[in-house]
Amino acid sequence: MGNTDRLAQLSEAGVSIWLDDLSRDRLRSGYLAGLIRDKHVVGITTNPTIFANALSRSEAYDEQLRELAARGADVHTAVRELTTSDVREAADLLRDVYTATNGLDGRVSIEVDPGLARDTEKTVVEAEELWRAVDRPNIFVKIPATEEGLSAITRTLAAGISVNVTLIFSVERYRAVIDAFFAGLEQAKEAGHDLSSIQSVASFFVSRVDSEVDKRLEAIGTDEALALRGEAALANARLAYAAYQEKFASERWAALKQAGANPQRPLWASTGVKNPEYSDTRYVDELVVANTVNTMPEKTLEAVADHADIHGDTVTGTAEQAQQVFDRVTAVGIDVNDVFRTLEDEGVEKFEKSWAELLDTVRSQLESAKVQS
């Protein structure tokens, strides 16, 4: 294929390419600016794991840590200031994209403390604090789609704040997320907010579904079970897209759209391939459809640029086939609802663990900065 620009093809197919990573090194080295300029990257997502890695591996934070230590900042204040500084800088870097896309892209996501995932009230308060702390119109506050998170999503949107809903695993929960989004916009409208200034994406997790289902299929071990490996994640995402199409064809949405609202786009998250037997670009080239976002770790982005097979829309009209995959998965003895429950619990737990690591890293860095000063 020679010099085919696969990322350009993806972008032209209506998929917004976001990078699932952020660090001060990437900001300061010009690396991110290069991705925006040359690799069609139009947004950035972060999570507690990304910040934990960035802060433990880089000296780029030392100066700010010394200032925070000198001020006697506690660890929570320090983490908030370190992470919001990076997000603010990344948001400024993407400001031209934000303007050029009329607010659709050019966005940076920052997550509420994952320890609050089961606490509606505290999530709402933290979302508003993060929005104010970063103080940029082109950010998303990330809120997990737990049961408790749903009403926090509604209330945060109702306050006029743009939200990235994260950790969505099941189509059933995704439908509830869209309802929470509709309710938030309806309340924002009642409160007199300009709906056109509010954006939202719904982060539907992909690769982790295969990891969990494949593990269970292998434990069953029959030929029928083994033949289904690597099928569930794409089928799940395609069913989610069908739910999106259905929900956004409703009268409830039509009324909001008329009032100036922007649709909540599906965002494919967790698109790095965990199983080396699978193509390393499958969660990108098999999920190409207009009005979606694909947020990729750097390794996946590079793989897509190098050898992805971008061949038009691979999602529209696939729902029936996708449903058959789930019927077969259920028929071989897998409790699909248990899969999704497990994934949500693990997802929250993983981010809580990363958050704890982040706090530990910053705590020890603050202490050594105090010693040095």
Protein backbone atom coordinates (compact mmCIF):
# COMPACT_ATOMS: atom_id res chain seq x y z
CA MET A 1 0.00 0.00 0.00
CA GLY A 2 3.04 2.27 0.08
CA ASN A 3 2.40 5.64 1.65
CA THR A 4 -1.25 5.14 2.56
CA ASP A 5 -2.16 7.40 5.45
CA ARG A 6 -4.32 4.97 7.40
CA LEU A 7 -4.99 7.42 10.21
CA ALA A 8 -6.29 9.91 7.63
CA GLN A 9 -8.56 7.20 6.22
CA LEU A 10 -9.88 6.48 9.70
CA SER A 11 -10.46 10.14 10.34
CA GLU A 12 -12.23 10.56 6.98
CA ALA A 13 -14.51 7.63 7.88
CA GLY A 14 -15.82 9.76 10.74
CA VAL A 15 -13.76 8.27 13.60
CA SER A 16 -12.12 10.86 15.84
CA ILE A 17 -8.65 9.65 16.83
CA TRP A 18 -7.75 10.32 20.44
CA LEU A 19 -4.60 9.32 22.32
CA ASP A 20 -5.14 7.33 25.51
CA ASP A 21 -2.13 8.77 27.30
CA LEU A 22 -0.73 11.98 28.75
CA SER A 23 2.45 12.98 30.53
CA ARG A 24 4.42 16.16 31.04
CA ASP A 25 7.31 14.64 29.05
CA ARG A 26 4.98 14.18 26.07
CA LEU A 27 3.79 17.77 26.43
CA ARG A 28 7.23 19.35 26.83
CA SER A 29 9.05 17.30 24.18
CA GLY A 30 6.68 18.40 21.41
CA TYR A 31 5.62 14.77 20.94
CA LEU A 32 1.93 15.52 21.46
CA ALA A 33 2.05 18.56 19.23
CA GLY A 34 3.56 16.29 16.56
CA LEU A 35 0.75 13.73 16.91
CA ILE A 36 -1.83 16.49 16.51
CA ARG A 37 0.01 17.90 13.50
CA ASP A 38 0.97 14.66 11.71
CA LYS A 39 -1.12 11.77 13.06
CA HIS A 40 -4.67 13.20 13.03
CA VAL A 41 -4.93 13.05 16.84
CA VAL A 42 -7.79 15.33 17.93
CA GLY A 43 -8.25 14.46 21.60
CA ILE A 44 -6.63 12.96 24.70
CA THR A 45 -7.96 10.72 27.44
CA THR A 46 -6.35 10.17 30.82
CA ASN A 47 -7.09 7.91 33.75
CA PRO A 48 -5.50 7.24 37.16
CA THR A 49 -3.20 4.56 35.69
CA ILE A 50 -1.86 6.97 33.07
CA PHE A 51 -1.06 9.61 35.71
CA ALA A 52 0.47 7.03 38.07
CA ASN A 53 2.83 5.93 35.27
CA ALA A 54 3.66 9.49 34.21
CA LEU A 55 4.52 10.67 37.72
CA SER A 56 6.56 7.65 38.74
CA ARG A 57 8.73 7.69 35.61
CA SER A 58 9.51 11.33 34.99
CA GLU A 59 11.60 14.14 36.41
CA ALA A 60 9.44 16.70 34.60
CA TYR A 61 7.30 17.11 37.74
CA ASP A 62 10.19 17.80 40.15
CA GLU A 63 10.04 21.57 40.06
CA GLN A 64 6.30 21.72 40.70
CA LEU A 65 6.69 19.10 43.45
CA ARG A 66 9.33 21.26 45.16
CA GLU A 67 6.98 24.26 45.04
CA LEU A 68 4.11 22.18 46.43
CA ALA A 69 6.36 20.81 49.20
CA ALA A 70 7.54 24.33 50.07
CA ARG A 71 3.91 25.42 50.36
CA GLY A 72 3.17 22.49 52.66
CA ALA A 73 0.55 21.08 50.24
CA ASP A 74 -1.02 17.78 51.31
CA VAL A 75 -0.90 14.79 48.96
CA HIS A 76 -4.47 15.22 47.63
CA THR A 77 -3.87 18.90 46.80
CA ALA A 78 -0.57 17.99 45.15
CA VAL A 79 -2.14 15.27 42.99
CA ARG A 80 -4.95 17.61 41.94
CA GLU A 81 -2.51 20.40 41.00
CA LEU A 82 -0.08 18.11 39.16
CA THR A 83 -2.77 16.38 37.10
CA THR A 84 -4.86 19.48 36.36
CA SER A 85 -1.70 21.31 35.23
CA ASP A 86 -1.05 18.61 32.61
CA VAL A 87 -4.69 18.57 31.49
CA ARG A 88 -4.80 22.36 31.23
CA GLU A 89 -1.62 22.41 29.13
CA ALA A 90 -2.94 19.62 26.86
CA ALA A 91 -6.27 21.46 26.52
CA ASP A 92 -4.41 24.59 25.41
CA LEU A 93 -2.46 22.51 22.89
CA LEU A 94 -5.74 21.22 21.45
CA ARG A 95 -7.56 24.54 21.52
CA ASP A 96 -7.25 25.10 17.75
CA VAL A 97 -8.77 21.68 17.07
CA TYR A 98 -11.59 22.50 19.50
CA THR A 99 -12.29 25.74 17.64
CA ALA A 100 -12.01 24.16 14.17
CA THR A 101 -14.43 21.32 15.07
CA ASN A 102 -16.88 23.64 16.80
CA GLY A 103 -16.22 22.02 20.18
CA LEU A 104 -16.68 18.43 19.02
CA ASP A 105 -13.03 17.41 19.37
CA GLY A 106 -9.92 19.05 20.80
CA ARG A 107 -10.89 17.61 24.16
CA VAL A 108 -8.92 16.30 27.13
CA SER A 109 -10.53 14.03 29.73
CA ILE A 110 -9.75 14.00 33.45
CA GLU A 111 -11.26 11.46 35.82
CA VAL A 112 -12.90 11.97 39.21
CA ASP A 113 -11.24 10.11 42.09
CA PRO A 114 -12.19 6.46 41.35
CA GLY A 115 -12.66 5.86 45.07
CA LEU A 116 -15.89 7.84 44.68
CA ALA A 117 -17.33 5.55 41.96
CA ARG A 118 -20.04 4.30 44.35
CA ASP A 119 -20.82 7.71 45.86
CA THR A 120 -23.15 9.94 43.83
CA GLU A 121 -22.89 13.08 45.98
CA LYS A 122 -19.11 13.19 46.25
CA THR A 123 -18.72 12.43 42.53
CA VAL A 124 -20.87 15.45 41.63
CA VAL A 125 -18.90 17.73 43.96
CA GLU A 126 -15.55 16.47 42.62
CA ALA A 127 -16.69 16.81 38.99
CA GLU A 128 -17.57 20.47 39.57
CA GLU A 129 -14.26 21.07 41.38
CA LEU A 130 -12.24 19.52 38.54
CA TRP A 131 -14.15 21.55 35.93
CA ARG A 132 -13.36 24.75 37.84
CA ALA A 133 -9.75 23.75 38.61
CA VAL A 134 -8.79 23.06 34.99
CA ASP A 135 -10.85 26.05 33.85
CA ARG A 136 -10.88 25.22 30.14
CA PRO A 137 -14.01 24.78 28.00
CA ASN A 138 -12.47 21.90 26.05
CA ILE A 139 -12.20 19.29 28.77
CA PHE A 140 -14.35 16.34 29.76
CA VAL A 141 -14.81 15.25 33.34
CA LYS A 142 -14.79 11.46 33.40
CA ILE A 143 -17.40 9.74 35.55
CA PRO A 144 -17.67 5.92 35.81
CA ALA A 145 -20.97 4.37 34.67
CA THR A 146 -21.65 2.55 37.94
CA GLU A 147 -25.25 2.49 39.23
CA GLU A 148 -24.32 5.37 41.55
CA GLY A 149 -22.50 7.13 38.73
CA LEU A 150 -25.63 7.39 36.55
CA SER A 151 -27.33 10.09 38.59
CA ALA A 152 -23.98 11.85 39.05
CA ILE A 153 -23.70 11.96 35.24
CA THR A 154 -27.17 13.51 34.97
CA ARG A 155 -26.46 16.10 37.64
CA THR A 156 -23.05 17.05 36.24
CA LEU A 157 -24.46 17.55 32.74
CA ALA A 158 -27.37 19.49 34.26
CA ALA A 159 -24.78 21.92 35.67
CA GLY A 160 -23.54 22.58 32.12
CA ILE A 161 -20.39 20.46 32.44
CA SER A 162 -19.21 18.23 29.58
CA VAL A 163 -18.87 14.59 30.62
CA ASN A 164 -16.97 11.53 29.40
CA VAL A 165 -18.84 8.54 30.83
CA THR A 166 -16.30 5.78 31.45
CA LEU A 167 -16.17 2.06 32.31
CA ILE A 168 -19.19 1.00 30.26
CA PHE A 169 -19.13 -2.73 29.56
CA SER A 170 -22.70 -3.88 28.84
CA VAL A 171 -25.22 -2.68 26.29
CA GLU A 172 -27.85 -2.64 29.03
CA ARG A 173 -25.78 -0.21 31.13
CA TYR A 174 -24.99 1.82 28.02
CA ARG A 175 -28.73 2.34 27.42
CA ALA A 176 -29.02 3.60 31.00
CA VAL A 177 -26.09 5.96 30.33
CA ILE A 178 -27.87 7.45 27.31
CA ASP A 179 -31.01 7.95 29.44
CA ALA A 180 -28.87 9.67 32.11
CA PHE A 181 -27.43 11.88 29.35
CA PHE A 182 -30.90 12.81 28.07
CA ALA A 183 -32.07 13.60 31.61
CA GLY A 184 -28.99 15.76 32.23
CA LEU A 185 -29.58 17.80 29.10
CA GLU A 186 -33.27 18.20 29.88
CA GLN A 187 -32.36 19.55 33.31
CA ALA A 188 -29.61 21.77 31.85
CA LYS A 189 -32.20 23.23 29.49
CA GLU A 190 -34.58 23.89 32.40
CA ALA A 191 -31.72 25.62 34.24
CA GLY A 192 -31.13 27.90 31.25
CA HIS A 193 -27.82 26.42 30.06
CA ASP A 194 -26.86 26.67 26.40
CA LEU A 195 -27.13 23.03 25.29
CA SER A 196 -24.88 23.59 22.28
CA SER A 197 -21.93 24.20 24.63
CA ILE A 198 -22.29 20.80 26.36
CA GLN A 199 -20.60 17.75 24.85
CA SER A 200 -20.45 14.15 25.99
CA VAL A 201 -18.93 10.84 24.98
CA ALA A 202 -19.73 7.36 26.30
CA SER A 203 -16.60 5.22 26.72
CA PHE A 204 -17.49 1.65 25.86
CA PHE A 205 -14.68 -0.74 26.83
CA VAL A 206 -13.66 -3.28 24.22
CA SER A 207 -10.60 -5.51 24.73
CA ARG A 208 -11.34 -6.37 28.35
CA VAL A 209 -14.56 -8.09 27.24
CA ASP A 210 -12.58 -10.54 25.08
CA SER A 211 -10.05 -11.11 27.87
CA GLU A 212 -12.78 -12.12 30.34
CA VAL A 213 -15.00 -14.07 27.93
CA ASP A 214 -12.06 -15.90 26.31
CA LYS A 215 -10.81 -16.98 29.74
CA ARG A 216 -14.23 -18.49 30.51
CA LEU A 217 -14.51 -20.11 27.05
CA GLU A 218 -11.12 -21.74 27.58
CA ALA A 219 -12.23 -23.04 30.97
CA ILE A 220 -15.27 -24.66 29.28
CA GLY A 221 -12.88 -26.05 26.66
CA THR A 222 -15.35 -27.61 24.18
CA ASP A 223 -14.88 -27.09 20.44
CA GLU A 224 -17.98 -24.88 20.33
CA ALA A 225 -16.66 -22.75 23.19
CA LEU A 226 -13.15 -22.41 21.79
CA ALA A 227 -14.49 -21.43 18.36
CA LEU A 228 -16.05 -18.33 19.97
CA ARG A 229 -12.79 -16.88 21.29
CA GLY A 230 -12.17 -13.31 20.16
CA GLU A 231 -15.78 -12.78 19.07
CA ALA A 232 -17.45 -11.21 22.10
CA ALA A 233 -15.79 -7.78 22.33
CA LEU A 234 -16.52 -6.68 18.77
CA ALA A 235 -20.04 -8.13 18.92
CA ASN A 236 -20.66 -6.24 22.16
CA ALA A 237 -19.44 -2.94 20.72
CA ARG A 238 -21.51 -3.42 17.57
CA LEU A 239 -24.63 -4.06 19.65
CA ALA A 240 -23.83 -0.90 21.60
CA TYR A 241 -23.72 1.06 18.35
CA ALA A 242 -27.12 -0.33 17.37
CA ALA A 243 -28.46 0.82 20.76
CA TYR A 244 -26.96 4.27 20.10
CA GLN A 245 -28.69 4.46 16.70
CA GLU A 246 -32.00 3.43 18.21
CA LYS A 247 -31.86 5.82 21.17
CA PHE A 248 -30.80 8.78 19.06
CA ALA A 249 -33.68 8.16 16.64
CA SER A 250 -36.18 8.73 19.48
CA GLU A 251 -38.58 11.64 19.95
CA ARG A 252 -36.93 12.39 23.27
CA TRP A 253 -33.65 13.04 21.47
CA ALA A 254 -35.35 14.97 18.63
CA ALA A 255 -36.67 17.49 21.18
CA LEU A 256 -33.21 17.98 22.68
CA LYS A 257 -31.59 18.27 19.28
CA GLN A 258 -34.08 20.98 18.36
CA ALA A 259 -33.02 22.84 21.53
CA GLY A 260 -29.39 22.82 20.26
CA ALA A 261 -28.06 19.67 21.94
CA ASN A 262 -25.11 17.66 20.59
CA PRO A 263 -25.41 13.85 20.50
CA GLN A 264 -23.34 11.83 22.95
CA ARG A 265 -20.87 9.97 20.75
CA PRO A 266 -19.83 6.38 21.43
CA LEU A 267 -16.12 6.19 22.28
CA TRP A 268 -14.28 2.89 21.86
CA ALA A 269 -11.96 2.57 24.86
CA SER A 270 -9.54 -0.17 25.90
CA THR A 271 -8.61 -0.72 22.25
CA GLY A 272 -5.12 -2.06 22.88
CA VAL A 273 -5.12 -5.78 22.01
CA LYS A 274 -4.24 -7.97 24.99
CA ASN A 275 -3.99 -11.32 23.16
CA PRO A 276 -0.92 -11.60 20.88
CA GLU A 277 -2.79 -14.13 18.71
CA TYR A 278 -5.14 -11.37 17.54
CA SER A 279 -4.38 -8.61 15.05
CA ASP A 280 -3.06 -5.64 17.02
CA THR A 281 -5.40 -3.25 15.16
CA ARG A 282 -8.64 -5.27 15.31
CA TYR A 283 -10.37 -3.03 17.86
CA VAL A 284 -9.83 -0.12 15.49
CA ASP A 285 -10.35 -1.38 11.94
CA GLU A 286 -13.29 -3.60 12.96
CA LEU A 287 -15.06 -0.69 14.71
CA VAL A 288 -15.03 1.94 11.97
CA VAL A 289 -18.26 3.92 11.86
CA ALA A 290 -19.10 7.62 11.58
CA ASN A 291 -19.61 9.84 14.64
CA THR A 292 -17.51 7.74 16.98
CA VAL A 293 -14.24 8.21 18.83
CA ASN A 294 -11.45 5.65 19.18
CA THR A 295 -8.99 6.40 21.96
CA MET A 296 -5.78 4.44 21.48
CA PRO A 297 -2.67 3.81 23.51
CA GLU A 298 0.46 4.95 21.65
CA LYS A 299 1.40 1.38 20.64
CA THR A 300 -2.00 0.83 19.01
CA LEU A 301 -1.89 4.23 17.29
CA GLU A 302 1.50 3.34 15.78
CA ALA A 303 0.23 -0.10 14.69
CA VAL A 304 -2.83 1.45 13.02
CA ALA A 305 -0.64 4.00 11.21
CA ASP A 306 1.62 1.18 10.04
CA HIS A 307 -0.68 -1.64 8.95
CA ALA A 308 -4.38 -1.28 9.84
CA ASP A 309 -6.84 -2.41 7.21
CA ILE A 310 -9.26 0.53 7.02
CA HIS A 311 -12.02 -0.51 4.62
CA GLY A 312 -15.04 1.62 5.35
CA ASP A 313 -17.87 1.14 7.84
CA THR A 314 -17.48 -2.17 9.69
CA VAL A 315 -20.30 -1.62 12.20
CA THR A 316 -23.58 -0.47 10.64
CA GLY A 317 -25.95 -3.37 9.98
CA THR A 318 -23.97 -5.90 12.04
CA ALA A 319 -26.30 -6.07 15.06
CA GLU A 320 -28.09 -9.27 14.11
CA GLN A 321 -24.83 -11.12 13.56
CA ALA A 322 -23.47 -9.67 16.81
CA GLN A 323 -26.52 -10.87 18.72
CA GLN A 324 -25.97 -14.39 17.35
CA VAL A 325 -22.46 -14.33 18.85
CA PHE A 326 -23.94 -13.59 22.27
CA ASP A 327 -26.62 -16.25 21.84
CA ARG A 328 -23.87 -18.78 21.16
CA VAL A 329 -21.73 -17.54 24.05
CA THR A 330 -24.73 -17.98 26.36
CA ALA A 331 -25.54 -21.39 24.86
CA VAL A 332 -22.09 -22.79 25.72
CA GLY A 333 -22.71 -21.87 29.35
CA ILE A 334 -21.37 -18.37 29.96
CA ASP A 335 -23.29 -16.03 32.25
CA VAL A 336 -22.92 -12.81 30.28
CA ASN A 337 -24.33 -10.61 33.05
CA ASP A 338 -21.75 -12.01 35.44
CA VAL A 339 -19.03 -11.17 32.88
CA PHE A 340 -20.13 -7.52 32.82
CA ARG A 341 -20.46 -7.30 36.62
CA THR A 342 -16.97 -8.73 37.02
CA LEU A 343 -15.53 -6.31 34.48
CA GLU A 344 -17.13 -3.27 36.12
CA ASP A 345 -15.92 -4.29 39.59
CA GLU A 346 -12.43 -4.99 38.27
CA GLY A 347 -12.39 -1.72 36.30
CA VAL A 348 -13.24 0.36 39.36
CA GLU A 349 -10.78 -1.65 41.48
CA LYS A 350 -7.97 -1.24 38.93
CA PHE A 351 -8.39 2.53 38.86
CA GLU A 352 -8.64 2.70 42.68
CA LYS A 353 -5.37 0.77 42.91
CA SER A 354 -3.70 3.11 40.40
CA TRP A 355 -5.04 6.10 42.34
CA ALA A 356 -3.55 4.69 45.55
CA GLU A 357 -0.22 4.20 43.72
CA LEU A 358 -0.43 7.77 42.44
CA LEU A 359 -0.99 9.08 45.98
CA ASP A 360 1.91 6.96 47.29
CA THR A 361 4.25 8.17 44.54
CA VAL A 362 3.37 11.82 45.13
CA ARG A 363 3.57 11.40 48.91
CA SER A 364 7.14 10.07 48.69
CA GLN A 365 8.09 12.68 46.08
CA LEU A 366 6.77 15.47 48.33
CA GLU A 367 8.78 14.07 51.25
CA SER A 368 12.01 13.88 49.25
CA ALA A 369 11.39 17.40 47.89
CA LYS A 370 11.06 18.63 51.48
CA VAL A 371 14.34 16.94 52.41
CA GLN A 372 16.12 18.49 49.40
CA SER A 373 14.88 21.97 50.21
